All heavy atoms as atom14 arrays in JSON, in Angstrom:
{
  "sequence": "TPATRDAHVVAKLREAGAVIIGKTNLSEWANFRSTRSSSGWSGRGGQT",
  "atom14_mask": [
    [1, 1, 1, 1, 1, 1, 1, 0, 0, 0, 0, 0, 0, 0],
    [1, 1, 1, 1, 1, 1, 1, 0, 0, 0, 0, 0, 0, 0],
    [1, 1, 1, 1, 1, 0, 0, 0, 0, 0, 0, 0, 0, 0],
    [1, 1, 1, 1, 1, 1, 1, 0, 0, 0, 0, 0, 0, 0],
    [1, 1, 1, 1, 1, 1, 1, 1, 1, 1, 1, 0, 0, 0],
    [1, 1, 1, 1, 1, 1, 1, 1, 0, 0, 0, 0, 0, 0],
    [1, 1, 1, 1, 1, 0, 0, 0, 0, 0, 0, 0, 0, 0],
    [1, 1, 1, 1, 1, 1, 1, 1, 1, 1, 0, 0, 0, 0],
    [1, 1, 1, 1, 1, 1, 1, 0, 0, 0, 0, 0, 0, 0],
    [1, 1, 1, 1, 1, 1, 1, 0, 0, 0, 0, 0, 0, 0],
    [1, 1, 1, 1, 1, 0, 0, 0, 0, 0, 0, 0, 0, 0],
    [1, 1, 1, 1, 1, 1, 1, 1, 1, 0, 0, 0, 0, 0],
    [1, 1, 1, 1, 1, 1, 1, 1, 0, 0, 0, 0, 0, 0],
    [1, 1, 1, 1, 1, 1, 1, 1, 1, 1, 1, 0, 0, 0],
    [1, 1, 1, 1, 1, 1, 1, 1, 1, 0, 0, 0, 0, 0],
    [1, 1, 1, 1, 1, 0, 0, 0, 0, 0, 0, 0, 0, 0],
    [1, 1, 1, 1, 0, 0, 0, 0, 0, 0, 0, 0, 0, 0],
    [1, 1, 1, 1, 1, 0, 0, 0, 0, 0, 0, 0, 0, 0],
    [1, 1, 1, 1, 1, 1, 1, 0, 0, 0, 0, 0, 0, 0],
    [1, 1, 1, 1, 1, 1, 1, 1, 0, 0, 0, 0, 0, 0],
    [1, 1, 1, 1, 1, 1, 1, 1, 0, 0, 0, 0, 0, 0],
    [1, 1, 1, 1, 0, 0, 0, 0, 0, 0, 0, 0, 0, 0],
    [1, 1, 1, 1, 1, 1, 1, 1, 1, 0, 0, 0, 0, 0],
    [1, 1, 1, 1, 1, 1, 1, 0, 0, 0, 0, 0, 0, 0],
    [1, 1, 1, 1, 1, 1, 1, 1, 0, 0, 0, 0, 0, 0],
    [1, 1, 1, 1, 1, 1, 1, 1, 0, 0, 0, 0, 0, 0],
    [1, 1, 1, 1, 1, 1, 0, 0, 0, 0, 0, 0, 0, 0],
    [1, 1, 1, 1, 1, 1, 1, 1, 1, 0, 0, 0, 0, 0],
    [1, 1, 1, 1, 1, 1, 1, 1, 1, 1, 1, 1, 1, 1],
    [1, 1, 1, 1, 1, 0, 0, 0, 0, 0, 0, 0, 0, 0],
    [1, 1, 1, 1, 1, 1, 1, 1, 0, 0, 0, 0, 0, 0],
    [1, 1, 1, 1, 1, 1, 1, 1, 1, 1, 1, 0, 0, 0],
    [1, 1, 1, 1, 1, 1, 1, 1, 1, 1, 1, 0, 0, 0],
    [1, 1, 1, 1, 1, 1, 0, 0, 0, 0, 0, 0, 0, 0],
    [1, 1, 1, 1, 1, 1, 1, 0, 0, 0, 0, 0, 0, 0],
    [1, 1, 1, 1, 1, 1, 1, 1, 1, 1, 1, 0, 0, 0],
    [1, 1, 1, 1, 1, 1, 0, 0, 0, 0, 0, 0, 0, 0],
    [1, 1, 1, 1, 1, 1, 0, 0, 0, 0, 0, 0, 0, 0],
    [1, 1, 1, 1, 1, 1, 0, 0, 0, 0, 0, 0, 0, 0],
    [1, 1, 1, 1, 0, 0, 0, 0, 0, 0, 0, 0, 0, 0],
    [1, 1, 1, 1, 1, 1, 1, 1, 1, 1, 1, 1, 1, 1],
    [1, 1, 1, 1, 1, 1, 0, 0, 0, 0, 0, 0, 0, 0],
    [1, 1, 1, 1, 0, 0, 0, 0, 0, 0, 0, 0, 0, 0],
    [1, 1, 1, 1, 1, 1, 1, 1, 1, 1, 1, 0, 0, 0],
    [1, 1, 1, 1, 0, 0, 0, 0, 0, 0, 0, 0, 0, 0],
    [1, 1, 1, 1, 0, 0, 0, 0, 0, 0, 0, 0, 0, 0],
    [1, 1, 1, 1, 1, 1, 1, 1, 1, 0, 0, 0, 0, 0],
    [1, 1, 1, 1, 1, 1, 1, 0, 0, 0, 0, 0, 0, 0]
  ],
  "atom14_positions": [
    [[163.76, 203.39, 31.21], [164.21, 204.69, 30.74], [163.49, 205.06, 29.45], [163.45, 204.26, 28.52], [165.73, 204.66, 30.48], [166.39, 204.22, 31.67], [166.25, 206.04, 30.1], [0.0, 0.0, 0.0], [0.0, 0.0, 0.0], [0.0, 0.0, 0.0], [0.0, 0.0, 0.0], [0.0, 0.0, 0.0], [0.0, 0.0, 0.0], [0.0, 0.0, 0.0]],
    [[162.93, 206.26, 29.36], [162.25, 206.66, 28.12], [163.21, 206.74, 26.94], [164.43, 206.81, 27.1], [161.71, 208.06, 28.46], [161.63, 208.1, 29.95], [162.78, 207.26, 30.43], [0.0, 0.0, 0.0], [0.0, 0.0, 0.0], [0.0, 0.0, 0.0], [0.0, 0.0, 0.0], [0.0, 0.0, 0.0], [0.0, 0.0, 0.0], [0.0, 0.0, 0.0]],
    [[162.65, 206.72, 25.74], [163.45, 206.9, 24.53], [164.09, 208.29, 24.55], [163.57, 209.22, 25.17], [162.58, 206.74, 23.29], [0.0, 0.0, 0.0], [0.0, 0.0, 0.0], [0.0, 0.0, 0.0], [0.0, 0.0, 0.0], [0.0, 0.0, 0.0], [0.0, 0.0, 0.0], [0.0, 0.0, 0.0], [0.0, 0.0, 0.0], [0.0, 0.0, 0.0]],
    [[165.2, 208.42, 23.88], [165.93, 209.69, 23.91], [165.48, 210.68, 22.84], [165.81, 211.86, 22.93], [167.44, 209.43, 23.74], [167.66, 208.74, 22.5], [167.98, 208.6, 24.89], [0.0, 0.0, 0.0], [0.0, 0.0, 0.0], [0.0, 0.0, 0.0], [0.0, 0.0, 0.0], [0.0, 0.0, 0.0], [0.0, 0.0, 0.0], [0.0, 0.0, 0.0]],
    [[164.75, 210.2, 21.82], [164.27, 211.12, 20.79], [162.93, 210.65, 20.27], [162.56, 209.49, 20.39], [165.27, 211.26, 19.66], [165.53, 210.0, 18.87], [166.53, 210.28, 17.76], [166.79, 209.11, 16.94], [167.58, 209.11, 15.87], [168.18, 210.22, 15.5], [167.76, 208.0, 15.18], [0.0, 0.0, 0.0], [0.0, 0.0, 0.0], [0.0, 0.0, 0.0]],
    [[162.21, 211.58, 19.63], [160.89, 211.3, 19.09], [160.96, 210.43, 17.85], [161.9, 210.55, 17.04], [160.2, 212.6, 18.69], [159.75, 213.44, 19.86], [159.57, 212.89, 20.96], [159.57, 214.66, 19.66], [0.0, 0.0, 0.0], [0.0, 0.0, 0.0], [0.0, 0.0, 0.0], [0.0, 0.0, 0.0], [0.0, 0.0, 0.0], [0.0, 0.0, 0.0]],
    [[159.95, 209.58, 17.69], [159.7, 208.99, 16.38], [159.44, 210.13, 15.4], [159.0, 211.22, 15.79], [158.49, 208.06, 16.43], [0.0, 0.0, 0.0], [0.0, 0.0, 0.0], [0.0, 0.0, 0.0], [0.0, 0.0, 0.0], [0.0, 0.0, 0.0], [0.0, 0.0, 0.0], [0.0, 0.0, 0.0], [0.0, 0.0, 0.0], [0.0, 0.0, 0.0]],
    [[159.71, 209.89, 14.12], [159.51, 210.94, 13.12], [158.08, 211.46, 13.12], [157.85, 212.67, 13.0], [159.88, 210.41, 11.73], [159.92, 211.46, 10.67], [158.88, 211.65, 9.79], [160.86, 212.38, 10.35], [159.18, 212.64, 8.96], [160.38, 213.1, 9.27], [0.0, 0.0, 0.0], [0.0, 0.0, 0.0], [0.0, 0.0, 0.0], [0.0, 0.0, 0.0]],
    [[157.11, 210.57, 13.28], [155.71, 210.98, 13.34], [155.47, 211.93, 14.51], [154.79, 212.96, 14.37], [154.79, 209.75, 13.44], [153.36, 210.16, 13.81], [154.78, 208.97, 12.13], [0.0, 0.0, 0.0], [0.0, 0.0, 0.0], [0.0, 0.0, 0.0], [0.0, 0.0, 0.0], [0.0, 0.0, 0.0], [0.0, 0.0, 0.0], [0.0, 0.0, 0.0]],
    [[156.02, 211.59, 15.66], [155.85, 212.43, 16.85], [156.51, 213.79, 16.65], [155.94, 214.83, 17.0], [156.4, 211.72, 18.1], [156.34, 212.64, 19.32], [155.62, 210.43, 18.37], [0.0, 0.0, 0.0], [0.0, 0.0, 0.0], [0.0, 0.0, 0.0], [0.0, 0.0, 0.0], [0.0, 0.0, 0.0], [0.0, 0.0, 0.0], [0.0, 0.0, 0.0]],
    [[157.69, 213.78, 16.06], [158.38, 215.05, 15.79], [157.56, 215.92, 14.85], [157.47, 217.15, 15.04], [159.76, 214.76, 15.2], [0.0, 0.0, 0.0], [0.0, 0.0, 0.0], [0.0, 0.0, 0.0], [0.0, 0.0, 0.0], [0.0, 0.0, 0.0], [0.0, 0.0, 0.0], [0.0, 0.0, 0.0], [0.0, 0.0, 0.0], [0.0, 0.0, 0.0]],
    [[156.94, 215.29, 13.84], [156.11, 216.05, 12.9], [154.88, 216.64, 13.61], [154.46, 217.77, 13.31], [155.67, 215.15, 11.75], [156.79, 214.67, 10.85], [157.07, 215.61, 9.71], [156.06, 215.46, 8.6], [156.36, 216.35, 7.44], [0.0, 0.0, 0.0], [0.0, 0.0, 0.0], [0.0, 0.0, 0.0], [0.0, 0.0, 0.0], [0.0, 0.0, 0.0]],
    [[154.3, 215.88, 14.53], [153.16, 216.37, 15.29], [153.55, 217.58, 16.13], [152.82, 218.58, 16.19], [152.58, 215.27, 16.17], [151.85, 214.14, 15.46], [151.55, 213.01, 16.42], [150.56, 214.65, 14.82], [0.0, 0.0, 0.0], [0.0, 0.0, 0.0], [0.0, 0.0, 0.0], [0.0, 0.0, 0.0], [0.0, 0.0, 0.0], [0.0, 0.0, 0.0]],
    [[154.69, 217.49, 16.78], [155.14, 218.63, 17.6], [155.41, 219.85, 16.72], [155.05, 220.97, 17.1], [156.4, 218.24, 18.37], [156.21, 217.15, 19.42], [157.42, 217.11, 20.35], [157.59, 215.84, 21.01], [157.01, 215.48, 22.17], [156.18, 216.3, 22.76], [157.26, 214.3, 22.69], [0.0, 0.0, 0.0], [0.0, 0.0, 0.0], [0.0, 0.0, 0.0]],
    [[156.03, 219.65, 15.57], [156.29, 220.76, 14.65], [154.98, 221.42, 14.2], [154.93, 222.62, 13.98], [157.05, 220.26, 13.42], [158.49, 219.85, 13.7], [159.11, 219.13, 12.5], [158.46, 219.11, 11.42], [160.22, 218.6, 12.65], [0.0, 0.0, 0.0], [0.0, 0.0, 0.0], [0.0, 0.0, 0.0], [0.0, 0.0, 0.0], [0.0, 0.0, 0.0]],
    [[153.93, 220.61, 14.07], [152.63, 221.13, 13.66], [151.89, 221.83, 14.79], [150.8, 222.37, 14.57], [151.78, 220.0, 13.09], [0.0, 0.0, 0.0], [0.0, 0.0, 0.0], [0.0, 0.0, 0.0], [0.0, 0.0, 0.0], [0.0, 0.0, 0.0], [0.0, 0.0, 0.0], [0.0, 0.0, 0.0], [0.0, 0.0, 0.0], [0.0, 0.0, 0.0]],
    [[152.45, 221.8, 16.0], [151.84, 222.48, 17.13], [150.96, 221.63, 18.01], [150.32, 222.14, 18.94], [0.0, 0.0, 0.0], [0.0, 0.0, 0.0], [0.0, 0.0, 0.0], [0.0, 0.0, 0.0], [0.0, 0.0, 0.0], [0.0, 0.0, 0.0], [0.0, 0.0, 0.0], [0.0, 0.0, 0.0], [0.0, 0.0, 0.0], [0.0, 0.0, 0.0]],
    [[150.91, 220.32, 17.75], [150.06, 219.43, 18.56], [150.61, 219.29, 19.97], [151.81, 219.43, 20.22], [149.96, 218.06, 17.9], [0.0, 0.0, 0.0], [0.0, 0.0, 0.0], [0.0, 0.0, 0.0], [0.0, 0.0, 0.0], [0.0, 0.0, 0.0], [0.0, 0.0, 0.0], [0.0, 0.0, 0.0], [0.0, 0.0, 0.0], [0.0, 0.0, 0.0]],
    [[149.71, 218.98, 20.89], [150.08, 218.69, 22.27], [149.98, 217.17, 22.44], [148.89, 216.6, 22.4], [149.14, 219.39, 23.27], [149.51, 219.02, 24.7], [149.18, 220.89, 23.07], [0.0, 0.0, 0.0], [0.0, 0.0, 0.0], [0.0, 0.0, 0.0], [0.0, 0.0, 0.0], [0.0, 0.0, 0.0], [0.0, 0.0, 0.0], [0.0, 0.0, 0.0]],
    [[151.12, 216.51, 22.6], [151.1, 215.06, 22.84], [150.66, 214.85, 24.28], [151.42, 215.06, 25.22], [152.49, 214.42, 22.6], [153.05, 214.83, 21.23], [152.38, 212.9, 22.72], [152.22, 214.4, 20.05], [0.0, 0.0, 0.0], [0.0, 0.0, 0.0], [0.0, 0.0, 0.0], [0.0, 0.0, 0.0], [0.0, 0.0, 0.0], [0.0, 0.0, 0.0]],
    [[149.41, 214.42, 24.44], [148.81, 214.39, 25.78], [149.04, 213.07, 26.51], [148.96, 213.0, 27.73], [147.3, 214.71, 25.68], [146.71, 215.06, 27.05], [146.54, 213.57, 25.03], [145.27, 215.52, 26.99], [0.0, 0.0, 0.0], [0.0, 0.0, 0.0], [0.0, 0.0, 0.0], [0.0, 0.0, 0.0], [0.0, 0.0, 0.0], [0.0, 0.0, 0.0]],
    [[149.36, 211.99, 25.76], [149.59, 210.71, 26.43], [149.84, 209.6, 25.44], [149.85, 209.79, 24.23], [0.0, 0.0, 0.0], [0.0, 0.0, 0.0], [0.0, 0.0, 0.0], [0.0, 0.0, 0.0], [0.0, 0.0, 0.0], [0.0, 0.0, 0.0], [0.0, 0.0, 0.0], [0.0, 0.0, 0.0], [0.0, 0.0, 0.0], [0.0, 0.0, 0.0]],
    [[150.07, 208.41, 26.01], [150.34, 207.2, 25.24], [149.21, 206.2, 25.48], [148.76, 206.0, 26.62], [151.68, 206.56, 25.66], [152.88, 207.5, 25.62], [153.33, 207.8, 24.21], [154.17, 206.7, 23.59], [155.54, 206.63, 24.11], [0.0, 0.0, 0.0], [0.0, 0.0, 0.0], [0.0, 0.0, 0.0], [0.0, 0.0, 0.0], [0.0, 0.0, 0.0]],
    [[148.77, 205.53, 24.43], [147.64, 204.62, 24.53], [148.06, 203.17, 24.66], [149.11, 202.75, 24.16], [146.7, 204.76, 23.32], [147.46, 204.58, 22.12], [146.04, 206.12, 23.3], [0.0, 0.0, 0.0], [0.0, 0.0, 0.0], [0.0, 0.0, 0.0], [0.0, 0.0, 0.0], [0.0, 0.0, 0.0], [0.0, 0.0, 0.0], [0.0, 0.0, 0.0]],
    [[147.22, 202.42, 25.34], [147.4, 200.98, 25.48], [147.25, 200.32, 24.1], [146.73, 200.91, 23.16], [146.35, 200.43, 26.46], [146.74, 199.09, 27.05], [147.84, 198.58, 26.85], [145.82, 198.5, 27.82], [0.0, 0.0, 0.0], [0.0, 0.0, 0.0], [0.0, 0.0, 0.0], [0.0, 0.0, 0.0], [0.0, 0.0, 0.0], [0.0, 0.0, 0.0]],
    [[147.67, 199.09, 24.0], [147.63, 198.37, 22.73], [147.66, 196.88, 23.01], [147.94, 196.44, 24.12], [148.83, 198.74, 21.85], [150.23, 198.31, 22.3], [151.19, 198.31, 21.11], [150.79, 199.21, 23.39], [0.0, 0.0, 0.0], [0.0, 0.0, 0.0], [0.0, 0.0, 0.0], [0.0, 0.0, 0.0], [0.0, 0.0, 0.0], [0.0, 0.0, 0.0]],
    [[147.34, 196.1, 22.01], [147.58, 194.66, 22.11], [149.1, 194.5, 22.16], [149.8, 194.94, 21.26], [147.03, 193.93, 20.89], [145.69, 194.3, 20.65], [0.0, 0.0, 0.0], [0.0, 0.0, 0.0], [0.0, 0.0, 0.0], [0.0, 0.0, 0.0], [0.0, 0.0, 0.0], [0.0, 0.0, 0.0], [0.0, 0.0, 0.0], [0.0, 0.0, 0.0]],
    [[149.59, 193.88, 23.21], [151.04, 193.87, 23.46], [151.83, 193.41, 22.23], [151.45, 192.47, 21.55], [151.35, 192.96, 24.65], [152.8, 193.04, 25.1], [153.06, 192.22, 26.34], [152.49, 192.55, 27.39], [153.83, 191.24, 26.26], [0.0, 0.0, 0.0], [0.0, 0.0, 0.0], [0.0, 0.0, 0.0], [0.0, 0.0, 0.0], [0.0, 0.0, 0.0]],
    [[152.94, 194.12, 21.99], [153.8, 193.86, 20.83], [152.98, 193.93, 19.54], [153.24, 193.19, 18.59], [154.55, 192.54, 20.96], [155.54, 192.55, 22.09], [155.48, 191.87, 23.26], [156.74, 193.34, 22.15], [156.55, 192.18, 24.06], [157.34, 193.07, 23.41], [157.37, 194.24, 21.29], [158.54, 193.68, 23.81], [158.54, 194.84, 21.69], [159.12, 194.55, 22.94]],
    [[152.01, 194.86, 19.54], [151.19, 195.09, 18.34], [150.56, 193.8, 17.82], [150.47, 193.57, 16.61], [152.02, 195.78, 17.26], [0.0, 0.0, 0.0], [0.0, 0.0, 0.0], [0.0, 0.0, 0.0], [0.0, 0.0, 0.0], [0.0, 0.0, 0.0], [0.0, 0.0, 0.0], [0.0, 0.0, 0.0], [0.0, 0.0, 0.0], [0.0, 0.0, 0.0]],
    [[150.1, 192.96, 18.76], [149.37, 191.73, 18.4], [150.23, 190.71, 17.66], [149.74, 190.01, 16.78], [148.14, 192.06, 17.56], [146.89, 192.19, 18.41], [146.89, 191.9, 19.59], [145.82, 192.65, 17.8], [0.0, 0.0, 0.0], [0.0, 0.0, 0.0], [0.0, 0.0, 0.0], [0.0, 0.0, 0.0], [0.0, 0.0, 0.0], [0.0, 0.0, 0.0]],
    [[151.49, 190.62, 18.02], [152.35, 189.66, 17.34], [153.16, 188.86, 18.35], [154.38, 188.81, 18.28], [153.28, 190.37, 16.35], [153.74, 189.48, 15.22], [152.85, 189.03, 14.27], [155.06, 189.1, 15.1], [153.26, 188.22, 13.22], [155.5, 188.29, 14.06], [154.6, 187.85, 13.12], [0.0, 0.0, 0.0], [0.0, 0.0, 0.0], [0.0, 0.0, 0.0]],
    [[152.44, 188.24, 19.3], [153.11, 187.42, 20.3], [152.52, 186.03, 20.41], [153.23, 185.06, 20.64], [153.07, 188.1, 21.68], [154.2, 187.69, 22.59], [153.98, 188.13, 24.03], [153.14, 187.22, 24.79], [152.75, 187.43, 26.04], [153.06, 188.56, 26.65], [152.0, 186.54, 26.66], [0.0, 0.0, 0.0], [0.0, 0.0, 0.0], [0.0, 0.0, 0.0]],
    [[151.19, 185.91, 20.26], [150.54, 184.62, 20.47], [149.36, 184.44, 19.52], [148.73, 185.41, 19.1], [150.04, 184.5, 21.91], [149.27, 183.32, 22.09], [0.0, 0.0, 0.0], [0.0, 0.0, 0.0], [0.0, 0.0, 0.0], [0.0, 0.0, 0.0], [0.0, 0.0, 0.0], [0.0, 0.0, 0.0], [0.0, 0.0, 0.0], [0.0, 0.0, 0.0]],
    [[149.05, 183.18, 19.22], [147.89, 182.85, 18.39], [146.6, 182.83, 19.2], [145.51, 182.71, 18.62], [148.07, 181.47, 17.75], [148.17, 180.49, 18.78], [149.32, 181.43, 16.89], [0.0, 0.0, 0.0], [0.0, 0.0, 0.0], [0.0, 0.0, 0.0], [0.0, 0.0, 0.0], [0.0, 0.0, 0.0], [0.0, 0.0, 0.0], [0.0, 0.0, 0.0]],
    [[146.67, 182.93, 20.52], [145.49, 182.77, 21.36], [145.29, 183.99, 22.27], [144.96, 183.87, 23.44], [145.58, 181.5, 22.2], [145.94, 180.28, 21.35], [145.31, 179.0, 21.87], [145.67, 177.85, 21.07], [145.08, 177.52, 19.93], [144.12, 178.27, 19.46], [145.46, 176.46, 19.26], [0.0, 0.0, 0.0], [0.0, 0.0, 0.0], [0.0, 0.0, 0.0]],
    [[145.48, 185.14, 21.72], [145.46, 186.36, 22.51], [144.08, 187.0, 22.55], [143.18, 186.62, 21.81], [146.46, 187.35, 21.92], [146.11, 187.62, 20.58], [0.0, 0.0, 0.0], [0.0, 0.0, 0.0], [0.0, 0.0, 0.0], [0.0, 0.0, 0.0], [0.0, 0.0, 0.0], [0.0, 0.0, 0.0], [0.0, 0.0, 0.0], [0.0, 0.0, 0.0]],
    [[143.96, 188.02, 23.41], [142.77, 188.87, 23.45], [143.2, 190.27, 23.06], [144.03, 190.88, 23.75], [142.16, 188.87, 24.85], [141.12, 189.82, 24.94], [0.0, 0.0, 0.0], [0.0, 0.0, 0.0], [0.0, 0.0, 0.0], [0.0, 0.0, 0.0], [0.0, 0.0, 0.0], [0.0, 0.0, 0.0], [0.0, 0.0, 0.0], [0.0, 0.0, 0.0]],
    [[142.68, 190.78, 21.98], [143.08, 192.11, 21.51], [142.83, 193.15, 22.59], [141.82, 193.11, 23.29], [142.3, 192.48, 20.25], [142.69, 191.68, 19.17], [0.0, 0.0, 0.0], [0.0, 0.0, 0.0], [0.0, 0.0, 0.0], [0.0, 0.0, 0.0], [0.0, 0.0, 0.0], [0.0, 0.0, 0.0], [0.0, 0.0, 0.0], [0.0, 0.0, 0.0]],
    [[143.76, 194.09, 22.68], [143.63, 195.17, 23.65], [144.25, 194.88, 25.0], [144.21, 195.74, 25.89], [0.0, 0.0, 0.0], [0.0, 0.0, 0.0], [0.0, 0.0, 0.0], [0.0, 0.0, 0.0], [0.0, 0.0, 0.0], [0.0, 0.0, 0.0], [0.0, 0.0, 0.0], [0.0, 0.0, 0.0], [0.0, 0.0, 0.0], [0.0, 0.0, 0.0]],
    [[144.85, 193.7, 25.18], [145.5, 193.38, 26.45], [147.01, 193.57, 26.33], [147.62, 193.19, 25.32], [145.23, 191.94, 26.86], [145.81, 191.6, 28.22], [145.19, 191.72, 29.44], [147.12, 191.11, 28.5], [146.03, 191.34, 30.45], [147.23, 190.95, 29.9], [148.22, 190.78, 27.71], [148.38, 190.49, 30.52], [149.39, 190.32, 28.33], [149.46, 190.17, 29.71]],
    [[147.59, 194.15, 27.36], [149.04, 194.22, 27.48], [149.43, 193.98, 28.92], [148.65, 194.24, 29.84], [149.58, 195.58, 27.01], [149.27, 196.6, 27.96], [0.0, 0.0, 0.0], [0.0, 0.0, 0.0], [0.0, 0.0, 0.0], [0.0, 0.0, 0.0], [0.0, 0.0, 0.0], [0.0, 0.0, 0.0], [0.0, 0.0, 0.0], [0.0, 0.0, 0.0]],
    [[150.64, 193.46, 29.11], [151.13, 193.23, 30.46], [151.21, 194.52, 31.25], [151.0, 194.54, 32.47], [0.0, 0.0, 0.0], [0.0, 0.0, 0.0], [0.0, 0.0, 0.0], [0.0, 0.0, 0.0], [0.0, 0.0, 0.0], [0.0, 0.0, 0.0], [0.0, 0.0, 0.0], [0.0, 0.0, 0.0], [0.0, 0.0, 0.0], [0.0, 0.0, 0.0]],
    [[151.51, 195.6, 30.57], [151.66, 196.89, 31.24], [150.33, 197.53, 31.57], [150.17, 198.16, 32.63], [152.48, 197.83, 30.36], [152.79, 199.16, 31.02], [153.56, 200.08, 30.1], [153.65, 201.4, 30.7], [153.85, 202.52, 30.04], [153.99, 202.49, 28.72], [153.9, 203.68, 30.66], [0.0, 0.0, 0.0], [0.0, 0.0, 0.0], [0.0, 0.0, 0.0]],
    [[149.34, 197.4, 30.7], [148.11, 198.17, 30.88], [146.86, 197.38, 31.16], [145.82, 197.96, 31.44], [0.0, 0.0, 0.0], [0.0, 0.0, 0.0], [0.0, 0.0, 0.0], [0.0, 0.0, 0.0], [0.0, 0.0, 0.0], [0.0, 0.0, 0.0], [0.0, 0.0, 0.0], [0.0, 0.0, 0.0], [0.0, 0.0, 0.0], [0.0, 0.0, 0.0]],
    [[146.92, 196.03, 31.09], [145.72, 195.25, 31.25], [144.84, 195.32, 30.02], [145.3, 195.61, 28.92], [0.0, 0.0, 0.0], [0.0, 0.0, 0.0], [0.0, 0.0, 0.0], [0.0, 0.0, 0.0], [0.0, 0.0, 0.0], [0.0, 0.0, 0.0], [0.0, 0.0, 0.0], [0.0, 0.0, 0.0], [0.0, 0.0, 0.0], [0.0, 0.0, 0.0]],
    [[143.55, 195.04, 30.19], [142.61, 194.92, 29.07], [141.89, 196.23, 28.78], [141.18, 196.77, 29.62], [141.56, 193.84, 29.37], [140.51, 193.67, 28.29], [141.08, 193.13, 26.99], [141.77, 192.11, 26.99], [140.81, 193.81, 25.88], [0.0, 0.0, 0.0], [0.0, 0.0, 0.0], [0.0, 0.0, 0.0], [0.0, 0.0, 0.0], [0.0, 0.0, 0.0]],
    [[142.06, 196.73, 27.57], [141.28, 197.86, 27.1], [139.86, 197.4, 26.81], [139.64, 196.34, 26.23], [141.88, 198.45, 25.81], [143.22, 198.86, 26.08], [141.07, 199.65, 25.33], [0.0, 0.0, 0.0], [0.0, 0.0, 0.0], [0.0, 0.0, 0.0], [0.0, 0.0, 0.0], [0.0, 0.0, 0.0], [0.0, 0.0, 0.0], [0.0, 0.0, 0.0]]
  ]
}
């Protein structure tokens, strides 16, 4: 289930008239899961 409200940054972008076109892949959990990871990989999106 998606979040019910915007992060403050996202809300500010919408107020400024920006078009939120999508969400980007990332190193899963913002690179804070393992000491032996590959940056840009996530279980949801694979390897950037």
